[in-house]
Amino acid sequence: VGREAVARLIEAEPIDAAAVNETLTSVRQADMALRGRLEQAIVTFATGLTPADRARLVDGLRGRSNMLRRAGEK
């Protein structure tokens, strides 16, 4: 919904830059809140795994998640 609102605001004539920026800020905050909850859920899940299962989890996160993407690039 938020990104669609941003798109509509950018398409509007005349463009209201303040409204676009305000909506972008709201979308960014919601994205970061969701990311934080997801990362915490991963940590909570990982605490119940064996070391071998945690290693497999890390391999999966490196391939599919921004959480560990940089860790795999080094």
PDB file of N, CA and C in Angstrom:
ATOM      1  N   VAL A   1       0.835  -1.195   0.000  1.00  0.00           N
ATOM      2  CA  VAL A   1       0.000   0.000   0.000  1.00  0.00           C
ATOM      3  C   VAL A   1       0.874   1.252   0.000  1.00  0.00           C
ATOM      4  N   GLY A   2       1.879   1.301   0.837  1.00  0.00           N
ATOM      5  CA  GLY A   2       2.732   2.473   0.943  1.00  0.00           C
ATOM      6  C   GLY A   2       3.448   2.799  -0.338  1.00  0.00           C
ATOM      7  N   ARG A   3       3.980   1.787  -1.007  1.00  0.00           N
ATOM      8  CA  ARG A   3       4.706   2.023  -2.255  1.00  0.00           C
ATOM      9  C   ARG A   3       3.756   2.479  -3.357  1.00  0.00           C
ATOM     10  N   GLU A   4       2.547   1.964  -3.334  1.00  0.00           N
ATOM     11  CA  GLU A   4       1.546   2.420  -4.312  1.00  0.00           C
ATOM     12  C   GLU A   4       1.201   3.886  -4.072  1.00  0.00           C
ATOM     13  N   ALA A   5       1.131   4.262  -2.799  1.00  0.00           N
ATOM     14  CA  ALA A   5       0.869   5.670  -2.471  1.00  0.00           C
ATOM     15  C   ALA A   5       2.006   6.547  -2.975  1.00  0.00           C
ATOM     16  N   VAL A   6       3.240   6.079  -2.838  1.00  0.00           N
ATOM     17  CA  VAL A   6       4.392   6.828  -3.345  1.00  0.00           C
ATOM     18  C   VAL A   6       4.274   6.984  -4.856  1.00  0.00           C
ATOM     19  N   ALA A   7       3.937   5.908  -5.536  1.00  0.00           N
ATOM     20  CA  ALA A   7       3.792   5.954  -6.994  1.00  0.00           C
ATOM     21  C   ALA A   7       2.720   6.962  -7.414  1.00  0.00           C
ATOM     22  N   ARG A   8       1.579   6.921  -6.726  1.00  0.00           N
ATOM     23  CA  ARG A   8       0.498   7.871  -7.061  1.00  0.00           C
ATOM     24  C   ARG A   8       0.941   9.313  -6.828  1.00  0.00           C
ATOM     25  N   LEU A   9       1.656   9.532  -5.735  1.00  0.00           N
ATOM     26  CA  LEU A   9       2.122  10.888  -5.431  1.00  0.00           C
ATOM     27  C   LEU A   9       3.124  11.381  -6.468  1.00  0.00           C
ATOM     28  N   ILE A  10       3.983  10.497  -6.927  1.00  0.00           N
ATOM     29  CA  ILE A  10       4.976  10.893  -7.934  1.00  0.00           C
ATOM     30  C   ILE A  10       4.302  11.178  -9.270  1.00  0.00           C
ATOM     31  N   GLU A  11       3.248  10.455  -9.582  1.00  0.00           N
ATOM     32  CA  GLU A  11       2.530  10.655 -10.841  1.00  0.00           C
ATOM     33  C   GLU A  11       1.650  11.903 -10.826  1.00  0.00           C
ATOM     34  N   ALA A  12       1.299  12.382  -9.647  1.00  0.00           N
ATOM     35  CA  ALA A  12       0.356  13.503  -9.531  1.00  0.00           C
ATOM     36  C   ALA A  12       0.930  14.772 -10.157  1.00  0.00           C
ATOM     37  N   GLU A  13       0.028  15.584 -10.628  1.00  0.00           N
ATOM     38  CA  GLU A  13       0.410  16.883 -11.204  1.00  0.00           C
ATOM     39  C   GLU A  13      -0.330  17.973 -10.456  1.00  0.00           C
ATOM     40  N   PRO A  14       0.315  18.859  -9.815  1.00  0.00           N
ATOM     41  CA  PRO A  14       1.773  18.934  -9.686  1.00  0.00           C
ATOM     42  C   PRO A  14       2.253  17.986  -8.597  1.00  0.00           C
ATOM     43  N   ILE A  15       3.504  17.612  -8.661  1.00  0.00           N
ATOM     44  CA  ILE A  15       4.067  16.710  -7.666  1.00  0.00           C
ATOM     45  C   ILE A  15       4.255  17.462  -6.352  1.00  0.00           C
ATOM     46  N   ASP A  16       3.889  16.807  -5.264  1.00  0.00           N
ATOM     47  CA  ASP A  16       4.050  17.378  -3.927  1.00  0.00           C
ATOM     48  C   ASP A  16       5.244  16.672  -3.281  1.00  0.00           C
ATOM     49  N   ALA A  17       6.421  17.257  -3.430  1.00  0.00           N
ATOM     50  CA  ALA A  17       7.651  16.628  -2.959  1.00  0.00           C
ATOM     51  C   ALA A  17       7.600  16.345  -1.462  1.00  0.00           C
ATOM     52  N   ALA A  18       7.017  17.239  -0.693  1.00  0.00           N
ATOM     53  CA  ALA A  18       6.938  17.024   0.755  1.00  0.00           C
ATOM     54  C   ALA A  18       6.104  15.784   1.066  1.00  0.00           C
ATOM     55  N   ALA A  19       4.995  15.611   0.368  1.00  0.00           N
ATOM     56  CA  ALA A  19       4.146  14.438   0.586  1.00  0.00           C
ATOM     57  C   ALA A  19       4.860  13.161   0.152  1.00  0.00           C
ATOM     58  N   VAL A  20       5.590  13.225  -0.956  1.00  0.00           N
ATOM     59  CA  VAL A  20       6.353  12.058  -1.409  1.00  0.00           C
ATOM     60  C   VAL A  20       7.385  11.679  -0.352  1.00  0.00           C
ATOM     61  N   ASN A  21       8.132  12.668   0.126  1.00  0.00           N
ATOM     62  CA  ASN A  21       9.160  12.392   1.126  1.00  0.00           C
ATOM     63  C   ASN A  21       8.571  11.868   2.431  1.00  0.00           C
ATOM     64  N   GLU A  22       7.465  12.413   2.852  1.00  0.00           N
ATOM     65  CA  GLU A  22       6.804  11.953   4.076  1.00  0.00           C
ATOM     66  C   GLU A  22       6.342  10.510   3.930  1.00  0.00           C
ATOM     67  N   THR A  23       5.770  10.185   2.791  1.00  0.00           N
ATOM     68  CA  THR A  23       5.302   8.823   2.550  1.00  0.00           C
ATOM     69  C   THR A  23       6.481   7.860   2.448  1.00  0.00           C
ATOM     70  N   LEU A  24       7.542   8.285   1.779  1.00  0.00           N
ATOM     71  CA  LEU A  24       8.744   7.451   1.702  1.00  0.00           C
ATOM     72  C   LEU A  24       9.310   7.173   3.095  1.00  0.00           C
ATOM     73  N   THR A  25       9.302   8.180   3.948  1.00  0.00           N
ATOM     74  CA  THR A  25       9.785   7.999   5.317  1.00  0.00           C
ATOM     75  C   THR A  25       8.936   6.960   6.049  1.00  0.00           C
ATOM     76  N   SER A  26       7.636   7.038   5.891  1.00  0.00           N
ATOM     77  CA  SER A  26       6.734   6.070   6.535  1.00  0.00           C
ATOM     78  C   SER A  26       6.973   4.661   6.009  1.00  0.00           C
ATOM     79  N   VAL A  27       7.141   4.532   4.699  1.00  0.00           N
ATOM     80  CA  VAL A  27       7.395   3.224   4.092  1.00  0.00           C
ATOM     81  C   VAL A  27       8.728   2.670   4.589  1.00  0.00           C
ATOM     82  N   ARG A  28       9.741   3.498   4.634  1.00  0.00           N
ATOM     83  CA  ARG A  28      11.066   3.080   5.102  1.00  0.00           C
ATOM     84  C   ARG A  28      11.007   2.609   6.555  1.00  0.00           C
ATOM     85  N   GLN A  29      10.299   3.349   7.392  1.00  0.00           N
ATOM     86  CA  GLN A  29      10.171   2.965   8.802  1.00  0.00           C
ATOM     87  C   GLN A  29       9.448   1.631   8.948  1.00  0.00           C
ATOM     88  N   ALA A  30       8.403   1.432   8.160  1.00  0.00           N
ATOM     89  CA  ALA A  30       7.673   0.159   8.203  1.00  0.00           C
ATOM     90  C   ALA A  30       8.563  -0.981   7.723  1.00  0.00           C
ATOM     91  N   ASP A  31       9.351  -0.741   6.670  1.00  0.00           N
ATOM     92  CA  ASP A  31      10.279  -1.757   6.168  1.00  0.00           C
ATOM     93  C   ASP A  31      11.304  -2.134   7.228  1.00  0.00           C
ATOM     94  N   MET A  32      11.862  -1.141   7.886  1.00  0.00           N
ATOM     95  CA  MET A  32      12.875  -1.401   8.912  1.00  0.00           C
ATOM     96  C   MET A  32      12.275  -2.127  10.118  1.00  0.00           C
ATOM     97  N   ALA A  33      11.055  -1.775  10.498  1.00  0.00           N
ATOM     98  CA  ALA A  33      10.396  -2.457  11.613  1.00  0.00           C
ATOM     99  C   ALA A  33      10.168  -3.930  11.263  1.00  0.00           C
ATOM    100  N   LEU A  34       9.717  -4.183  10.054  1.00  0.00           N
ATOM    101  CA  LEU A  34       9.498  -5.557   9.608  1.00  0.00           C
ATOM    102  C   LEU A  34      10.818  -6.323   9.562  1.00  0.00           C
ATOM    103  N   ARG A  35      11.840  -5.686   9.028  1.00  0.00           N
ATOM    104  CA  ARG A  35      13.143  -6.337   8.967  1.00  0.00           C
ATOM    105  C   ARG A  35      13.645  -6.687  10.376  1.00  0.00           C
ATOM    106  N   GLY A  36      13.469  -5.783  11.311  1.00  0.00           N
ATOM    107  CA  GLY A  36      13.880  -6.045  12.686  1.00  0.00           C
ATOM    108  C   GLY A  36      13.158  -7.228  13.284  1.00  0.00           C
ATOM    109  N   ARG A  37      11.853  -7.315  13.047  1.00  0.00           N
ATOM    110  CA  ARG A  37      11.078  -8.453  13.571  1.00  0.00           C
ATOM    111  C   ARG A  37      11.529  -9.763  12.923  1.00  0.00           C
ATOM    112  N   LEU A  38      11.788  -9.719  11.628  1.00  0.00           N
ATOM    113  CA  LEU A  38      12.236 -10.912  10.918  1.00  0.00           C
ATOM    114  C   LEU A  38      13.608 -11.367  11.418  1.00  0.00           C
ATOM    115  N   GLU A  39      14.527 -10.420  11.571  1.00  0.00           N
ATOM    116  CA  GLU A  39      15.852 -10.772  12.068  1.00  0.00           C
ATOM    117  C   GLU A  39      15.780 -11.359  13.474  1.00  0.00           C
ATOM    118  N   GLN A  40      14.941 -10.793  14.326  1.00  0.00           N
ATOM    119  CA  GLN A  40      14.795 -11.324  15.687  1.00  0.00           C
ATOM    120  C   GLN A  40      14.206 -12.723  15.657  1.00  0.00           C
ATOM    121  N   ALA A  41      13.254 -12.960  14.764  1.00  0.00           N
ATOM    122  CA  ALA A  41      12.669 -14.300  14.639  1.00  0.00           C
ATOM    123  C   ALA A  41      13.725 -15.306  14.193  1.00  0.00           C
ATOM    124  N   ILE A  42      14.608 -14.899  13.300  1.00  0.00           N
ATOM    125  CA  ILE A  42      15.681 -15.786  12.846  1.00  0.00           C
ATOM    126  C   ILE A  42      16.618 -16.117  14.002  1.00  0.00           C
ATOM    127  N   VAL A  43      16.983 -15.103  14.784  1.00  0.00           N
ATOM    128  CA  VAL A  43      17.866 -15.331  15.933  1.00  0.00           C
ATOM    129  C   VAL A  43      17.200 -16.277  16.929  1.00  0.00           C
ATOM    130  N   THR A  44      15.934 -16.047  17.232  1.00  0.00           N
ATOM    131  CA  THR A  44      15.203 -16.905  18.163  1.00  0.00           C
ATOM    132  C   THR A  44      15.153 -18.337  17.637  1.00  0.00           C
ATOM    133  N   PHE A  45      14.874 -18.499  16.362  1.00  0.00           N
ATOM    134  CA  PHE A  45      14.837 -19.821  15.742  1.00  0.00           C
ATOM    135  C   PHE A  45      16.206 -20.490  15.831  1.00  0.00           C
ATOM    136  N   ALA A  46      17.262 -19.739  15.559  1.00  0.00           N
ATOM    137  CA  ALA A  46      18.619 -20.293  15.537  1.00  0.00           C
ATOM    138  C   ALA A  46      19.058 -20.797  16.903  1.00  0.00           C
ATOM    139  N   THR A  47      18.559 -20.184  17.962  1.00  0.00           N
ATOM    140  CA  THR A  47      18.979 -20.612  19.305  1.00  0.00           C
ATOM    141  C   THR A  47      18.562 -22.043  19.613  1.00  0.00           C
ATOM    142  N   GLY A  48      17.573 -22.562  18.925  1.00  0.00           N
ATOM    143  CA  GLY A  48      17.128 -23.931  19.161  1.00  0.00           C
ATOM    144  C   GLY A  48      17.757 -24.946  18.238  1.00  0.00           C
ATOM    145  N   LEU A  49      18.688 -24.530  17.401  1.00  0.00           N
ATOM    146  CA  LEU A  49      19.295 -25.435  16.424  1.00  0.00           C
ATOM    147  C   LEU A  49      20.636 -25.973  16.909  1.00  0.00           C
ATOM    148  N   THR A  50      21.010 -27.104  16.357  1.00  0.00           N
ATOM    149  CA  THR A  50      22.347 -27.650  16.603  1.00  0.00           C
ATOM    150  C   THR A  50      23.356 -26.810  15.816  1.00  0.00           C
ATOM    151  N   PRO A  51      24.635 -26.899  16.166  1.00  0.00           N
ATOM    152  CA  PRO A  51      25.644 -26.173  15.386  1.00  0.00           C
ATOM    153  C   PRO A  51      25.599 -26.507  13.890  1.00  0.00           C
ATOM    154  N   ALA A  52      25.398 -27.759  13.553  1.00  0.00           N
ATOM    155  CA  ALA A  52      25.325 -28.149  12.141  1.00  0.00           C
ATOM    156  C   ALA A  52      24.115 -27.514  11.460  1.00  0.00           C
ATOM    157  N   ASP A  53      22.980 -27.505  12.147  1.00  0.00           N
ATOM    158  CA  ASP A  53      21.785 -26.886  11.581  1.00  0.00           C
ATOM    159  C   ASP A  53      21.953 -25.371  11.462  1.00  0.00           C
ATOM    160  N   ARG A  54      22.643 -24.755  12.418  1.00  0.00           N
ATOM    161  CA  ARG A  54      22.912 -23.318  12.322  1.00  0.00           C
ATOM    162  C   ARG A  54      23.800 -23.020  11.125  1.00  0.00           C
ATOM    163  N   ALA A  55      24.760 -23.890  10.856  1.00  0.00           N
ATOM    164  CA  ALA A  55      25.628 -23.702   9.682  1.00  0.00           C
ATOM    165  C   ALA A  55      24.805 -23.771   8.404  1.00  0.00           C
ATOM    166  N   ARG A  56      23.856 -24.703   8.335  1.00  0.00           N
ATOM    167  CA  ARG A  56      22.978 -24.788   7.159  1.00  0.00           C
ATOM    168  C   ARG A  56      22.095 -23.550   7.047  1.00  0.00           C
ATOM    169  N   LEU A  57      21.620 -23.069   8.196  1.00  0.00           N
ATOM    170  CA  LEU A  57      20.813 -21.847   8.203  1.00  0.00           C
ATOM    171  C   LEU A  57      21.618 -20.677   7.649  1.00  0.00           C
ATOM    172  N   VAL A  58      22.862 -20.550   8.092  1.00  0.00           N
ATOM    173  CA  VAL A  58      23.726 -19.464   7.608  1.00  0.00           C
ATOM    174  C   VAL A  58      23.924 -19.579   6.104  1.00  0.00           C
ATOM    175  N   ASP A  59      24.155 -20.778   5.604  1.00  0.00           N
ATOM    176  CA  ASP A  59      24.305 -20.966   4.158  1.00  0.00           C
ATOM    177  C   ASP A  59      23.058 -20.486   3.421  1.00  0.00           C
ATOM    178  N   GLY A  60      21.897 -20.825   3.951  1.00  0.00           N
ATOM    179  CA  GLY A  60      20.646 -20.397   3.328  1.00  0.00           C
ATOM    180  C   GLY A  60      20.457 -18.892   3.392  1.00  0.00           C
ATOM    181  N   LEU A  61      20.801 -18.303   4.525  1.00  0.00           N
ATOM    182  CA  LEU A  61      20.647 -16.851   4.667  1.00  0.00           C
ATOM    183  C   LEU A  61      21.595 -16.095   3.746  1.00  0.00           C
ATOM    184  N   ARG A  62      22.771 -16.625   3.529  1.00  0.00           N
ATOM    185  CA  ARG A  62      23.712 -15.971   2.623  1.00  0.00           C
ATOM    186  C   ARG A  62      23.165 -15.920   1.207  1.00  0.00           C
ATOM    187  N   GLY A  63      22.426 -16.911   0.818  1.00  0.00           N
ATOM    188  CA  GLY A  63      21.918 -16.964  -0.543  1.00  0.00           C
ATOM    189  C   GLY A  63      20.603 -16.244  -0.748  1.00  0.00           C
ATOM    190  N   ARG A  64      19.814 -16.084   0.312  1.00  0.00           N
ATOM    191  CA  ARG A  64      18.448 -15.587   0.135  1.00  0.00           C
ATOM    192  C   ARG A  64      18.099 -14.363   0.957  1.00  0.00           C
ATOM    193  N   SER A  65      19.004 -13.882   1.751  1.00  0.00           N
ATOM    194  CA  SER A  65      18.647 -12.839   2.692  1.00  0.00           C
ATOM    195  C   SER A  65      19.691 -11.735   2.715  1.00  0.00           C
ATOM    196  N   ASN A  66      19.231 -10.514   2.866  1.00  0.00           N
ATOM    197  CA  ASN A  66      20.169  -9.395   3.034  1.00  0.00           C
ATOM    198  C   ASN A  66      20.859  -9.459   4.384  1.00  0.00           C
ATOM    199  N   MET A  67      20.302 -10.232   5.306  1.00  0.00           N
ATOM    200  CA  MET A  67      20.845 -10.287   6.652  1.00  0.00           C
ATOM    201  C   MET A  67      22.324 -10.688   6.651  1.00  0.00           C
ATOM    202  N   LEU A  68      22.702 -11.627   5.795  1.00  0.00           N
ATOM    203  CA  LEU A  68      24.080 -12.122   5.765  1.00  0.00           C
ATOM    204  C   LEU A  68      24.732 -11.975   4.393  1.00  0.00           C
ATOM    205  N   ARG A  69      24.145 -11.224   3.511  1.00  0.00           N
ATOM    206  CA  ARG A  69      24.688 -11.132   2.157  1.00  0.00           C
ATOM    207  C   ARG A  69      26.130 -10.647   2.171  1.00  0.00           C
ATOM    208  N   ARG A  70      26.442  -9.593   2.906  1.00  0.00           N
ATOM    209  CA  ARG A  70      27.808  -9.076   2.945  1.00  0.00           C
ATOM    210  C   ARG A  70      28.774 -10.072   3.569  1.00  0.00           C
ATOM    211  N   ALA A  71      28.288 -10.860   4.530  1.00  0.00           N
ATOM    212  CA  ALA A  71      29.162 -11.838   5.173  1.00  0.00           C
ATOM    213  C   ALA A  71      29.654 -12.867   4.170  1.00  0.00           C
ATOM    214  N   GLY A  72      28.828 -13.185   3.190  1.00  0.00           N
ATOM    215  CA  GLY A  72      29.219 -14.163   2.167  1.00  0.00           C
ATOM    216  C   GLY A  72      30.072 -13.570   1.077  1.00  0.00           C
ATOM    217  N   GLU A  73      30.102 -12.249   0.954  1.00  0.00           N
ATOM    218  CA  GLU A  73      30.868 -11.586  -0.100  1.00  0.00           C
ATOM    219  C   GLU A  73      32.315 -11.394   0.263  1.00  0.00           C
ATOM    220  N   LYS A  74      32.644 -11.490   1.549  1.00  0.00           N
ATOM    221  CA  LYS A  74      34.023 -11.216   1.994  1.00  0.00           C
ATOM    222  C   LYS A  74      34.971 -12.328   1.647  1.00  0.00           C
TER     223      LYS A  74
END
